[in-house]
Amino acid sequence: MNKRSKATLPTLLLLIICSCSQQTEPWITGFVKPAQNPILQADSAFVFHDPNTNGPVRWQKADVFNPAAVVRNDTVFMLFRAEDNPKAYLGGRTSRIGLAWSVDGLNFTKHPEPVLYPDSTLHVQWDYPGGCEDPRVVETEDGHYIMTYTSWDQKTARLSIASSTDLIHWSKEGPAFEFASNGKFLDTWSKSGSIVTRQEGDKLIATKINGKYWMYFGERGAKLAWSENLIDWTPLEDENGELLIVMPLRTGKFDSFLTEPGPPAILTEDGILLFYNGKNDEGELADPNIAKGTYCGGQALFDKDNPEKLLKRMDQPFICPDLPHEVTGQYAAGSTFIEGIVFFKDKWHLYYGTADSYVGIAIQE
């Protein structure tokens, strides 16, 4: 995904209801896009001293999008992706992950500097020059935080892990699959890690199933991995030794080109609820009712005792781009790319990137 021009919201818009399917349980539905959208955007006033160039960088000058979110001390904390150079499109930008917080879930204050970025440690080989992209964040049993993010060296996308105790200071743990199967998958394209959690009040806590943590990941067909420590992950393999696909693409559906995991998956009484991003094909395999190349959000249900067993998924997306800044931007085909969800003030708040340009929100009625 990537983006381009900006658009303003019509002033008379009060509420836009998402393009939602009418399906009921076990799905979480009823999301509405408030008029305040978008809620976060680029700002060239923020300057950061880049350790790689040893000079100042306007680290969110181009675009701000694809956010994760957690609740801590009755406050929503958002981790968002920011790109620096608006002229260096398709390959020349560096992404960094910033932090913002809000007491109402809508109005956010940004931390002045990025909290995760390419630095001078050994991880620079994975993170630079493309940067650190597309975070998802979960809380652990002991109150720490685990982030999955994409390390982008502009050659291979690698799903990576970072840990923190306070959401500001992060320790990079390296690529998620660095040591699995003797490094077999280290250089395999991977991204978008959705760790299975359980809901405890306003928190989503990483939880074990059958003695292991589980994570959905990937793009062209969702895959699955397990871990004992949330740091080192082992992906499941098929009979040919390739990454096992647990949720394939569907011809003629909104997920005909990509099925990419979104926010942390949630363990429920019905099963494991996975929010994911479906990309419509750009050719004859596309859903004819959705613009080609569009990213929409869907939900899938996996067996709560067997995370690789897909039980069902939505036939229609529950959220699609329909606002001006969602259908026109750096990613010209339009997107509502979901990555963060929190249960805040007794309602689900869904945070997403819009056309790789802004951060949007939909709130459950």
Protein backbone atom coordinates (compact mmCIF):
# COMPACT_ATOMS: atom_id res chain seq x y z
CA MET A 1 0.00 0.00 0.00
CA ASN A 2 1.01 3.60 -0.56
CA LYS A 3 -0.65 7.01 -0.94
CA ARG A 4 -0.71 10.49 -2.59
CA SER A 5 -2.90 13.63 -2.45
CA LYS A 6 -4.96 15.06 0.42
CA ALA A 7 -8.69 15.78 0.56
CA THR A 8 -10.84 17.65 3.04
CA LEU A 9 -14.04 16.41 4.68
CA PRO A 10 -17.34 18.03 3.71
CA THR A 11 -18.42 20.35 6.51
CA LEU A 12 -22.02 19.15 6.44
CA LEU A 13 -21.01 15.55 7.13
CA LEU A 14 -22.21 14.58 10.61
CA LEU A 15 -22.05 10.80 10.63
CA ILE A 16 -21.14 8.31 7.97
CA ILE A 17 -22.14 4.75 8.65
CA CYS A 18 -19.57 2.23 7.45
CA SER A 19 -20.32 -0.02 4.50
CA CYS A 20 -21.17 -2.86 6.87
CA SER A 21 -22.52 -6.32 6.29
CA GLN A 22 -25.73 -7.23 8.07
CA GLN A 23 -24.26 -10.37 9.62
CA THR A 24 -24.75 -10.91 13.35
CA GLU A 25 -22.76 -12.80 15.97
CA PRO A 26 -19.98 -13.78 16.29
CA TRP A 27 -18.95 -10.61 14.49
CA ILE A 28 -18.36 -7.25 16.14
CA THR A 29 -20.35 -4.80 14.01
CA GLY A 30 -22.23 -1.50 14.23
CA PHE A 31 -19.19 0.70 13.64
CA VAL A 32 -19.83 4.33 12.70
CA LYS A 33 -17.32 6.86 11.35
CA PRO A 34 -17.70 10.13 13.30
CA ALA A 35 -17.56 13.48 11.53
CA GLN A 36 -14.22 14.28 13.15
CA ASN A 37 -12.43 11.97 10.70
CA PRO A 38 -9.58 11.93 9.97
CA ILE A 39 -8.22 12.13 13.50
CA LEU A 40 -4.45 12.20 12.81
CA GLN A 41 -2.44 13.63 9.95
CA ALA A 42 1.10 14.54 8.91
CA ASP A 43 2.83 17.56 10.45
CA SER A 44 6.17 18.82 9.15
CA ALA A 45 6.78 20.77 12.37
CA PHE A 46 8.00 17.63 14.12
CA VAL A 47 11.81 17.33 13.76
CA PHE A 48 13.96 14.38 14.83
CA HIS A 49 17.75 13.86 14.79
CA ASP A 50 18.26 10.82 12.59
CA PRO A 51 21.15 8.59 13.77
CA ASN A 52 21.69 7.19 10.27
CA THR A 53 22.17 10.49 8.48
CA ASN A 54 23.35 12.34 11.61
CA GLY A 55 21.06 15.20 10.76
CA PRO A 56 17.57 16.59 11.34
CA VAL A 57 14.59 14.89 9.69
CA ARG A 58 10.98 16.03 9.52
CA TRP A 59 9.92 12.52 10.34
CA GLN A 60 6.17 12.90 9.71
CA LYS A 61 6.27 15.39 6.87
CA ALA A 62 4.67 13.14 4.23
CA ASP A 63 1.95 10.93 5.69
CA VAL A 64 0.70 9.42 8.96
CA PHE A 65 -1.28 6.18 8.89
CA ASN A 66 -1.69 2.49 9.90
CA PRO A 67 -2.04 2.74 13.72
CA ALA A 68 -2.02 0.31 16.62
CA ALA A 69 -3.77 1.14 19.89
CA VAL A 70 -3.88 0.07 23.55
CA VAL A 71 -5.58 1.40 26.68
CA ARG A 72 -3.41 2.33 29.67
CA ASN A 73 -4.53 4.33 32.71
CA ASP A 74 -7.90 5.23 31.14
CA THR A 75 -6.08 6.68 28.13
CA VAL A 76 -5.85 5.45 24.54
CA PHE A 77 -2.26 5.24 23.33
CA MET A 78 -1.76 5.06 19.59
CA LEU A 79 1.35 3.83 17.80
CA PHE A 80 1.30 5.14 14.23
CA ARG A 81 3.43 4.92 11.11
CA ALA A 82 4.89 8.17 9.77
CA GLU A 83 6.85 8.79 6.56
CA ASP A 84 9.33 11.57 6.14
CA ASN A 85 9.86 12.74 2.56
CA PRO A 86 6.80 13.48 0.41
CA LYS A 87 8.86 13.73 -2.79
CA ALA A 88 10.54 10.36 -2.48
CA TYR A 89 7.59 8.17 -3.40
CA LEU A 90 7.78 4.37 -3.80
CA GLY A 91 11.03 3.40 -2.16
CA GLY A 92 12.74 6.62 -1.13
CA ARG A 93 10.90 7.27 2.13
CA THR A 94 11.80 6.09 5.61
CA SER A 95 9.02 5.07 8.00
CA ARG A 96 9.17 5.56 11.76
CA ILE A 97 6.67 4.71 14.46
CA GLY A 98 5.31 7.54 16.58
CA LEU A 99 3.23 7.67 19.76
CA ALA A 100 0.12 9.70 20.56
CA TRP A 101 -2.40 9.62 23.39
CA SER A 102 -6.00 10.64 24.01
CA VAL A 103 -8.38 10.71 26.98
CA ASP A 104 -11.46 10.60 24.74
CA GLY A 105 -10.25 8.30 21.94
CA LEU A 106 -10.64 11.04 19.32
CA ASN A 107 -8.35 13.99 20.11
CA PHE A 108 -4.71 12.92 20.25
CA THR A 109 -1.51 14.59 21.45
CA LYS A 110 1.66 13.45 19.70
CA HIS A 111 4.94 12.59 21.40
CA PRO A 112 7.57 14.90 19.85
CA GLU A 113 9.89 12.16 18.55
CA PRO A 114 9.38 8.69 17.08
CA VAL A 115 9.57 5.81 19.54
CA LEU A 116 10.71 3.12 17.10
CA TYR A 117 12.91 3.83 14.08
CA PRO A 118 16.02 2.64 12.22
CA ASP A 119 18.95 3.23 14.55
CA SER A 120 22.62 2.33 14.82
CA THR A 121 22.12 -1.07 16.44
CA LEU A 122 22.56 -4.40 14.68
CA HIS A 123 18.88 -4.24 13.66
CA VAL A 124 19.62 -1.49 11.15
CA GLN A 125 20.35 -4.24 8.61
CA TRP A 126 16.65 -5.14 8.67
CA ASP A 127 15.13 -1.66 9.22
CA TYR A 128 17.00 0.64 6.87
CA PRO A 129 16.49 2.50 4.62
CA GLY A 130 12.77 1.65 4.36
CA GLY A 131 12.11 1.89 8.08
CA CYS A 132 9.79 0.47 10.72
CA GLU A 133 6.21 0.07 9.53
CA ASP A 134 2.66 -0.94 10.47
CA PRO A 135 2.67 -1.75 14.21
CA ARG A 136 0.30 -3.98 16.15
CA VAL A 137 0.59 -3.95 19.96
CA VAL A 138 -0.59 -6.29 22.72
CA GLU A 139 -0.17 -6.26 26.49
CA THR A 140 1.39 -9.19 28.38
CA GLU A 141 0.30 -10.83 31.64
CA ASP A 142 2.86 -8.77 33.59
CA GLY A 143 1.89 -5.42 32.08
CA HIS A 144 4.60 -5.20 29.44
CA TYR A 145 3.96 -4.60 25.73
CA ILE A 146 4.85 -6.53 22.60
CA MET A 147 4.87 -4.85 19.20
CA THR A 148 4.87 -6.64 15.88
CA TYR A 149 6.04 -4.43 13.02
CA THR A 150 7.51 -4.66 9.53
CA SER A 151 11.24 -4.15 9.08
CA TRP A 152 11.74 -2.82 5.55
CA ASP A 153 15.20 -2.74 4.03
CA GLN A 154 13.61 -1.94 0.64
CA LYS A 155 14.31 -5.49 -0.53
CA THR A 156 12.47 -7.87 1.81
CA ALA A 157 9.72 -7.16 4.33
CA ARG A 158 10.39 -9.00 7.60
CA LEU A 159 7.95 -9.30 10.49
CA SER A 160 9.86 -8.09 13.56
CA ILE A 161 9.28 -7.86 17.31
CA ALA A 162 9.89 -5.11 19.88
CA SER A 163 9.11 -4.99 23.61
CA SER A 164 8.45 -2.17 26.08
CA THR A 165 7.38 -1.48 29.64
CA ASP A 166 6.05 2.06 29.04
CA LEU A 167 5.17 2.38 25.30
CA ILE A 168 7.90 5.02 24.87
CA HIS A 169 11.12 3.06 25.23
CA TRP A 170 11.24 0.00 22.99
CA SER A 171 13.79 -2.80 22.73
CA LYS A 172 14.11 -4.41 19.32
CA GLU A 173 14.09 -8.20 19.50
CA GLY A 174 14.80 -8.85 15.81
CA PRO A 175 12.88 -10.66 13.07
CA ALA A 176 10.16 -12.91 14.44
CA PHE A 177 11.34 -15.95 12.45
CA GLU A 178 15.10 -15.36 12.71
CA PHE A 179 15.81 -18.63 14.52
CA ALA A 180 12.87 -20.80 13.48
CA SER A 181 13.82 -23.93 11.52
CA ASN A 182 17.49 -22.89 11.53
CA GLY A 183 16.70 -19.56 9.89
CA LYS A 184 14.75 -21.10 7.01
CA PHE A 185 12.23 -18.26 6.89
CA LEU A 186 14.47 -15.33 7.83
CA ASP A 187 14.55 -13.98 4.29
CA THR A 188 10.97 -14.94 3.43
CA TRP A 189 8.63 -11.98 2.87
CA SER A 190 6.52 -11.61 6.03
CA LYS A 191 4.51 -8.88 7.78
CA SER A 192 1.29 -8.00 9.68
CA GLY A 193 1.47 -9.98 12.93
CA SER A 194 -1.84 -10.33 14.83
CA ILE A 195 -1.22 -11.98 18.22
CA VAL A 196 -4.15 -13.80 19.83
CA THR A 197 -5.41 -12.03 22.96
CA ARG A 198 -8.21 -12.22 25.51
CA GLN A 199 -10.23 -9.24 26.66
CA GLU A 200 -9.92 -8.21 30.30
CA GLY A 201 -11.92 -5.01 30.80
CA ASP A 202 -10.34 -2.40 28.54
CA LYS A 203 -7.19 -4.45 27.90
CA LEU A 204 -6.30 -7.06 25.30
CA ILE A 205 -3.87 -9.49 26.94
CA ALA A 206 -1.74 -11.95 24.96
CA THR A 207 -3.07 -15.37 25.87
CA LYS A 208 -1.95 -18.96 25.42
CA ILE A 209 -3.93 -21.73 23.73
CA ASN A 210 -2.73 -25.28 24.37
CA GLY A 211 0.31 -23.88 26.18
CA LYS A 212 1.46 -21.61 23.33
CA TYR A 213 0.97 -18.07 22.09
CA TRP A 214 -0.37 -17.78 18.53
CA MET A 215 -0.05 -15.17 15.81
CA TYR A 216 -1.72 -14.78 12.43
CA PHE A 217 0.43 -13.07 9.81
CA GLY A 218 1.07 -12.64 6.10
CA GLU A 219 -0.62 -11.15 3.06
CA ARG A 220 -1.48 -13.49 0.19
CA GLY A 221 -3.32 -15.95 2.38
CA ALA A 222 -3.09 -15.59 6.17
CA LYS A 223 -0.52 -17.80 7.90
CA LEU A 224 -0.04 -18.90 11.53
CA ALA A 225 2.89 -19.10 13.96
CA TRP A 226 3.37 -20.05 17.61
CA SER A 227 5.71 -18.92 20.39
CA GLU A 228 6.53 -19.71 23.99
CA ASN A 229 7.85 -16.23 24.85
CA LEU A 230 6.18 -13.78 22.39
CA ILE A 231 9.65 -13.02 20.97
CA ASP A 232 10.76 -16.07 18.98
CA TRP A 233 8.11 -17.43 16.63
CA THR A 234 7.81 -20.66 14.64
CA PRO A 235 5.53 -20.60 11.60
CA LEU A 236 3.44 -23.62 10.69
CA GLU A 237 4.49 -25.43 7.52
CA ASP A 238 2.50 -27.44 5.00
CA GLU A 239 3.42 -30.86 3.65
CA ASN A 240 5.83 -29.27 1.19
CA GLY A 241 7.69 -27.30 3.86
CA GLU A 242 6.14 -24.00 2.76
CA LEU A 243 4.30 -21.56 5.02
CA LEU A 244 0.89 -23.02 5.82
CA ILE A 245 -2.04 -20.88 4.62
CA VAL A 246 -4.90 -21.01 7.12
CA MET A 247 -7.15 -18.49 5.35
CA PRO A 248 -6.85 -18.39 1.54
CA LEU A 249 -7.94 -15.79 -0.98
CA ARG A 250 -11.47 -15.94 -2.42
CA THR A 251 -12.31 -15.34 -6.06
CA GLY A 252 -15.05 -12.77 -6.53
CA LYS A 253 -14.86 -11.51 -2.94
CA PHE A 254 -13.41 -8.40 -1.31
CA ASP A 255 -10.40 -10.50 -0.25
CA SER A 256 -9.65 -11.84 -3.73
CA PHE A 257 -6.06 -10.50 -3.80
CA LEU A 258 -4.93 -10.25 -0.14
CA THR A 259 -6.00 -11.51 3.28
CA GLU A 260 -3.80 -9.52 5.67
CA PRO A 261 -4.32 -9.73 9.48
CA GLY A 262 -5.30 -6.51 11.22
CA PRO A 263 -5.55 -5.71 14.95
CA PRO A 264 -4.79 -8.33 17.63
CA ALA A 265 -7.07 -11.35 17.34
CA ILE A 266 -9.51 -11.84 20.24
CA LEU A 267 -10.36 -15.14 21.92
CA THR A 268 -14.14 -15.29 22.46
CA GLU A 269 -16.69 -17.91 23.51
CA ASP A 270 -17.37 -18.59 19.83
CA GLY A 271 -13.75 -18.88 18.77
CA ILE A 272 -10.78 -16.72 17.80
CA LEU A 273 -12.04 -13.56 16.13
CA LEU A 274 -9.56 -12.25 13.58
CA PHE A 275 -10.01 -8.79 12.08
CA TYR A 276 -8.26 -8.65 8.72
CA ASN A 277 -7.72 -6.50 5.64
CA GLY A 278 -8.93 -7.83 2.33
CA LYS A 279 -7.68 -6.34 -0.91
CA ASN A 280 -9.87 -6.67 -3.96
CA ASP A 281 -8.18 -8.04 -7.05
CA GLU A 282 -7.37 -5.63 -9.88
CA GLY A 283 -8.42 -8.07 -12.61
CA GLU A 284 -11.09 -10.60 -13.44
CA LEU A 285 -10.94 -12.24 -10.00
CA ALA A 286 -12.24 -9.11 -8.28
CA ASP A 287 -15.49 -8.61 -6.40
CA PRO A 288 -17.55 -6.70 -9.02
CA ASN A 289 -19.34 -4.69 -6.33
CA ILE A 290 -16.16 -3.11 -4.91
CA ALA A 291 -13.67 -0.90 -6.72
CA LYS A 292 -10.67 -2.87 -7.93
CA GLY A 293 -7.61 -2.69 -5.70
CA THR A 294 -9.60 -1.41 -2.72
CA TYR A 295 -8.71 -2.46 0.85
CA CYS A 296 -11.74 -3.25 3.05
CA GLY A 297 -11.99 -4.79 6.52
CA GLY A 298 -13.38 -8.24 7.27
CA GLN A 299 -13.65 -10.66 10.18
CA ALA A 300 -12.96 -14.38 10.40
CA LEU A 301 -13.55 -16.97 13.12
CA PHE A 302 -11.11 -19.75 14.00
CA ASP A 303 -11.59 -22.67 16.39
CA LYS A 304 -10.71 -21.60 19.94
CA ASP A 305 -8.92 -24.89 20.62
CA ASN A 306 -7.32 -25.22 17.19
CA PRO A 307 -6.10 -21.83 15.88
CA GLU A 308 -5.42 -23.16 12.37
CA LYS A 309 -9.01 -24.33 11.83
CA LEU A 310 -11.05 -21.67 10.00
CA LEU A 311 -14.74 -21.90 10.92
CA LYS A 312 -16.26 -19.02 8.95
CA ARG A 313 -15.67 -15.51 7.69
CA MET A 314 -17.70 -12.58 6.47
CA ASP A 315 -18.86 -12.70 2.87
CA GLN A 316 -19.08 -8.90 2.80
CA PRO A 317 -16.68 -6.41 4.45
CA PHE A 318 -17.83 -4.52 7.53
CA ILE A 319 -15.84 -1.39 6.67
CA CYS A 320 -14.75 0.07 3.32
CA PRO A 321 -13.37 3.40 2.14
CA ASP A 322 -16.15 5.86 1.33
CA LEU A 323 -15.03 9.22 2.74
CA PRO A 324 -13.02 11.62 0.51
CA HIS A 325 -9.72 11.09 2.33
CA GLU A 326 -10.23 7.30 2.28
CA VAL A 327 -10.71 6.93 -1.47
CA THR A 328 -8.02 9.42 -2.57
CA GLY A 329 -4.51 9.57 -1.18
CA GLN A 330 -1.04 8.11 -1.47
CA TYR A 331 -2.70 4.75 -2.15
CA ALA A 332 -4.94 5.84 -5.01
CA ALA A 333 -7.32 2.86 -4.98
CA GLY A 334 -8.49 3.71 -1.45
CA SER A 335 -8.26 1.88 1.85
CA THR A 336 -9.55 1.52 5.36
CA PHE A 337 -6.56 -0.48 6.60
CA ILE A 338 -7.47 -1.67 10.12
CA GLU A 339 -4.66 -2.24 12.64
CA GLY A 340 -5.82 -1.07 16.08
CA ILE A 341 -8.86 -1.88 18.21
CA VAL A 342 -9.60 -1.06 21.86
CA PHE A 343 -12.57 -1.40 24.17
CA PHE A 344 -12.77 2.13 25.55
CA LYS A 345 -15.59 3.82 27.49
CA ASP A 346 -17.72 0.69 26.99
CA LYS A 347 -17.44 0.81 23.18
CA TRP A 348 -15.14 -0.74 20.61
CA HIS A 349 -12.94 1.85 18.91
CA LEU A 350 -11.40 0.78 15.60
CA TYR A 351 -8.37 2.69 14.26
CA TYR A 352 -7.23 2.43 10.66
CA GLY A 353 -5.08 3.97 7.94
CA THR A 354 -6.83 5.81 5.11
CA ALA A 355 -5.29 5.56 1.63
CA ASP A 356 -1.87 5.48 3.33
CA SER A 357 -2.31 9.16 4.20
CA TYR A 358 -4.26 9.69 7.45
CA VAL A 359 -5.52 7.89 10.54
CA GLY A 360 -9.26 7.27 10.78
CA ILE A 361 -11.59 5.92 13.45
CA ALA A 362 -14.88 4.04 13.57
CA ILE A 363 -16.75 3.65 16.88
CA GLN A 364 -19.30 0.99 17.73
CA GLU A 365 -22.76 2.47 18.33
